[in-house]
Amino acid sequence: MSTPHRTDTTGEAEPVRLRTAGPADAAAITAVFLASRTAALPYLPRLYSDEETLGFFEHVVLPSCTVWVAEQGEGARTRIVGFAALDKTVLDHLYLHPDVRRRGIGTALLETVRQASPEELSLHCFQRNTDARAFYERHGFTAGEFNDGSRNEENEPDVTYHWTAR
């Protein structure tokens, strides 16, 4: 599945391709996750080493979720720039590398997730992550339960978002 061409920071069009992830993508997915969280969520505590985070994606996320990656480039220049992970009707992860934000890649990943769960989706988002909250609200999600952070490892207040097909 491909999305239309997007413009990169040099002004050149670069296609974005979405595909189902496999075990070989774990390191690249981990790199996107770590870069994204460092840039967008600097207030979160760092609970795990890079190696432990890689193990989480290798042994937990990839085997238990349907995961899609967004990639750009050709041949040896191909790189994963984003990913989304779906566990039944729960969007567990949607992360983009910081240098490709606001180019439609997150929307393309979200639309792919919606195709796999066309009736409903839910997700948790940190309350302070205002960019992500605005993204989900623009895409028809509504805020539900607000939590004091007791349900996540970071102990950071979060909110559950819901989307249902109309």
Protein backbone atom coordinates (compact mmCIF):
# COMPACT_ATOMS: atom_id res chain seq x y z
CA MET A 1 0.00 0.00 0.00
CA SER A 2 1.43 3.41 -0.91
CA THR A 3 0.37 6.90 -0.05
CA PRO A 4 0.72 9.90 -2.34
CA HIS A 5 4.09 11.61 -2.62
CA ARG A 6 5.00 13.84 0.29
CA THR A 7 7.52 16.66 0.28
CA ASP A 8 10.66 16.20 2.35
CA THR A 9 12.68 18.99 3.97
CA THR A 10 14.74 19.53 0.80
CA GLY A 11 11.59 20.11 -1.25
CA GLU A 12 11.96 16.88 -3.22
CA ALA A 13 8.99 14.52 -3.46
CA GLU A 14 9.60 11.25 -1.65
CA PRO A 15 7.05 8.44 -1.69
CA VAL A 16 5.94 6.82 1.53
CA ARG A 17 5.10 3.13 1.47
CA LEU A 18 3.19 1.29 4.17
CA ARG A 19 3.64 -2.41 4.73
CA THR A 20 3.15 -5.01 7.43
CA ALA A 21 6.16 -5.23 9.72
CA GLY A 22 8.14 -8.37 10.37
CA PRO A 23 10.71 -9.48 12.97
CA ALA A 24 13.56 -7.97 10.94
CA ASP A 25 12.02 -4.51 11.45
CA ALA A 26 12.37 -4.54 15.26
CA ALA A 27 15.57 -2.47 15.41
CA ALA A 28 14.26 0.21 13.04
CA ILE A 29 10.93 0.37 14.87
CA THR A 30 12.77 0.74 18.17
CA ALA A 31 14.90 3.56 16.72
CA VAL A 32 11.75 5.45 15.61
CA PHE A 33 10.12 4.89 19.01
CA LEU A 34 13.14 6.17 20.93
CA ALA A 35 13.71 9.20 18.68
CA SER A 36 10.03 10.13 18.76
CA ARG A 37 9.67 9.87 22.52
CA THR A 38 12.89 11.83 23.11
CA ALA A 39 11.72 14.67 20.83
CA ALA A 40 8.01 14.79 21.66
CA LEU A 41 7.90 13.58 25.26
CA PRO A 42 11.09 14.82 26.96
CA TYR A 43 9.33 14.91 30.35
CA LEU A 44 8.86 11.13 30.47
CA PRO A 45 11.27 9.14 32.62
CA ARG A 46 13.55 6.76 30.74
CA LEU A 47 12.62 3.41 32.31
CA TYR A 48 14.44 0.97 30.03
CA SER A 49 17.71 0.77 28.15
CA ASP A 50 17.74 0.77 24.36
CA GLU A 51 18.41 -2.99 24.44
CA GLU A 52 15.44 -3.62 26.76
CA THR A 53 13.24 -1.49 24.51
CA LEU A 54 14.36 -3.49 21.48
CA GLY A 55 13.52 -6.69 23.36
CA PHE A 56 10.05 -5.32 24.10
CA PHE A 57 9.37 -4.74 20.41
CA GLU A 58 10.94 -8.06 19.37
CA HIS A 59 9.29 -10.26 21.98
CA VAL A 60 6.06 -8.47 22.90
CA VAL A 61 4.80 -5.98 20.33
CA LEU A 62 5.67 -7.70 17.04
CA PRO A 63 4.40 -11.16 18.10
CA SER A 64 1.19 -9.91 19.76
CA CYS A 65 0.08 -6.99 17.56
CA THR A 66 -0.44 -6.26 13.92
CA VAL A 67 2.27 -3.74 13.11
CA TRP A 68 2.65 -1.58 10.02
CA VAL A 69 5.66 0.49 9.08
CA ALA A 70 5.97 3.57 6.90
CA GLU A 71 9.13 3.65 4.88
CA GLN A 72 10.82 6.07 2.51
CA GLY A 73 13.72 5.82 0.11
CA GLU A 74 14.83 3.20 -2.36
CA GLY A 75 17.20 0.26 -2.12
CA ALA A 76 19.96 0.80 0.43
CA ARG A 77 18.46 4.23 1.27
CA THR A 78 15.15 2.73 2.45
CA ARG A 79 14.38 3.64 6.05
CA ILE A 80 11.45 3.16 8.38
CA VAL A 81 10.09 6.56 9.41
CA GLY A 82 7.00 5.53 11.39
CA PHE A 83 4.95 2.64 12.67
CA ALA A 84 1.59 1.73 14.17
CA ALA A 85 0.70 -1.31 16.29
CA LEU A 86 -2.85 -2.62 16.70
CA ASP A 87 -3.91 -5.11 19.38
CA LYS A 88 -7.46 -6.13 18.43
CA THR A 89 -9.24 -2.74 18.65
CA VAL A 90 -6.59 -0.93 20.69
CA LEU A 91 -4.05 1.26 18.95
CA ASP A 92 -1.05 0.48 21.17
CA HIS A 93 1.50 2.59 19.30
CA LEU A 94 1.66 5.20 16.57
CA TYR A 95 5.05 6.90 16.35
CA LEU A 96 6.85 8.91 13.70
CA HIS A 97 10.48 9.88 13.45
CA PRO A 98 10.65 13.58 14.42
CA ASP A 99 11.98 14.68 11.02
CA VAL A 100 8.89 13.43 9.13
CA ARG A 101 6.08 14.85 11.24
CA ARG A 102 3.23 16.80 9.64
CA ARG A 103 3.57 15.19 6.21
CA GLY A 104 0.52 12.91 6.29
CA ILE A 105 2.41 9.79 7.34
CA GLY A 106 0.64 9.52 10.70
CA THR A 107 -2.71 9.94 8.95
CA ALA A 108 -1.80 7.20 6.45
CA LEU A 109 -0.84 4.84 9.28
CA LEU A 110 -4.04 5.66 11.18
CA GLU A 111 -6.16 5.00 8.10
CA THR A 112 -4.47 1.62 7.67
CA VAL A 113 -5.24 0.79 11.31
CA ARG A 114 -8.87 1.84 10.77
CA GLN A 115 -9.12 -0.52 7.79
CA ALA A 116 -8.05 -3.36 10.10
CA SER A 117 -10.46 -2.27 12.85
CA PRO A 118 -13.25 -0.57 10.92
CA GLU A 119 -15.87 -0.46 13.69
CA GLU A 120 -13.96 0.98 16.65
CA LEU A 121 -10.59 1.94 18.07
CA SER A 122 -9.32 3.10 21.42
CA LEU A 123 -5.95 4.31 22.65
CA HIS A 124 -4.23 5.89 25.61
CA CYS A 125 -2.42 9.20 25.23
CA PHE A 126 -0.45 11.19 27.78
CA GLN A 127 -2.44 14.27 28.77
CA ARG A 128 0.58 16.53 28.22
CA ASN A 129 1.07 15.23 24.68
CA THR A 130 -0.99 18.03 23.18
CA ASP A 131 0.21 17.43 19.60
CA ALA A 132 -0.91 13.79 19.67
CA ARG A 133 -4.19 14.69 21.35
CA ALA A 134 -4.92 17.30 18.66
CA PHE A 135 -4.03 14.74 15.95
CA TYR A 136 -6.47 12.15 17.29
CA GLU A 137 -9.22 14.71 17.85
CA ARG A 138 -8.80 15.95 14.25
CA HIS A 139 -9.34 12.35 13.17
CA GLY A 140 -12.62 11.92 15.04
CA PHE A 141 -11.46 10.47 18.36
CA THR A 142 -13.14 11.67 21.53
CA ALA A 143 -11.58 11.86 24.96
CA GLY A 144 -13.08 9.50 27.50
CA GLU A 145 -11.57 8.55 30.83
CA PHE A 146 -8.83 10.76 32.28
CA ASN A 147 -6.40 8.90 34.54
CA ASP A 148 -3.89 10.11 37.14
CA GLY A 149 -1.10 7.98 35.64
CA SER A 150 -1.59 4.98 37.89
CA ARG A 151 -2.25 2.68 34.90
CA ASN A 152 1.04 3.35 33.08
CA GLU A 153 4.66 2.69 34.00
CA GLU A 154 5.66 6.32 33.65
CA ASN A 155 3.05 7.41 36.23
CA GLU A 156 2.12 10.18 33.81
CA PRO A 157 -1.54 11.31 33.64
CA ASP A 158 -3.19 9.98 30.51
CA VAL A 159 -6.52 9.96 28.70
CA THR A 160 -8.34 7.21 26.84
CA TYR A 161 -9.54 8.14 23.37
CA HIS A 162 -12.31 6.36 21.45
CA TRP A 163 -13.34 6.28 17.83
CA THR A 164 -16.37 4.47 16.42
CA ALA A 165 -17.54 4.18 12.84
CA ARG A 166 -20.57 6.27 12.06
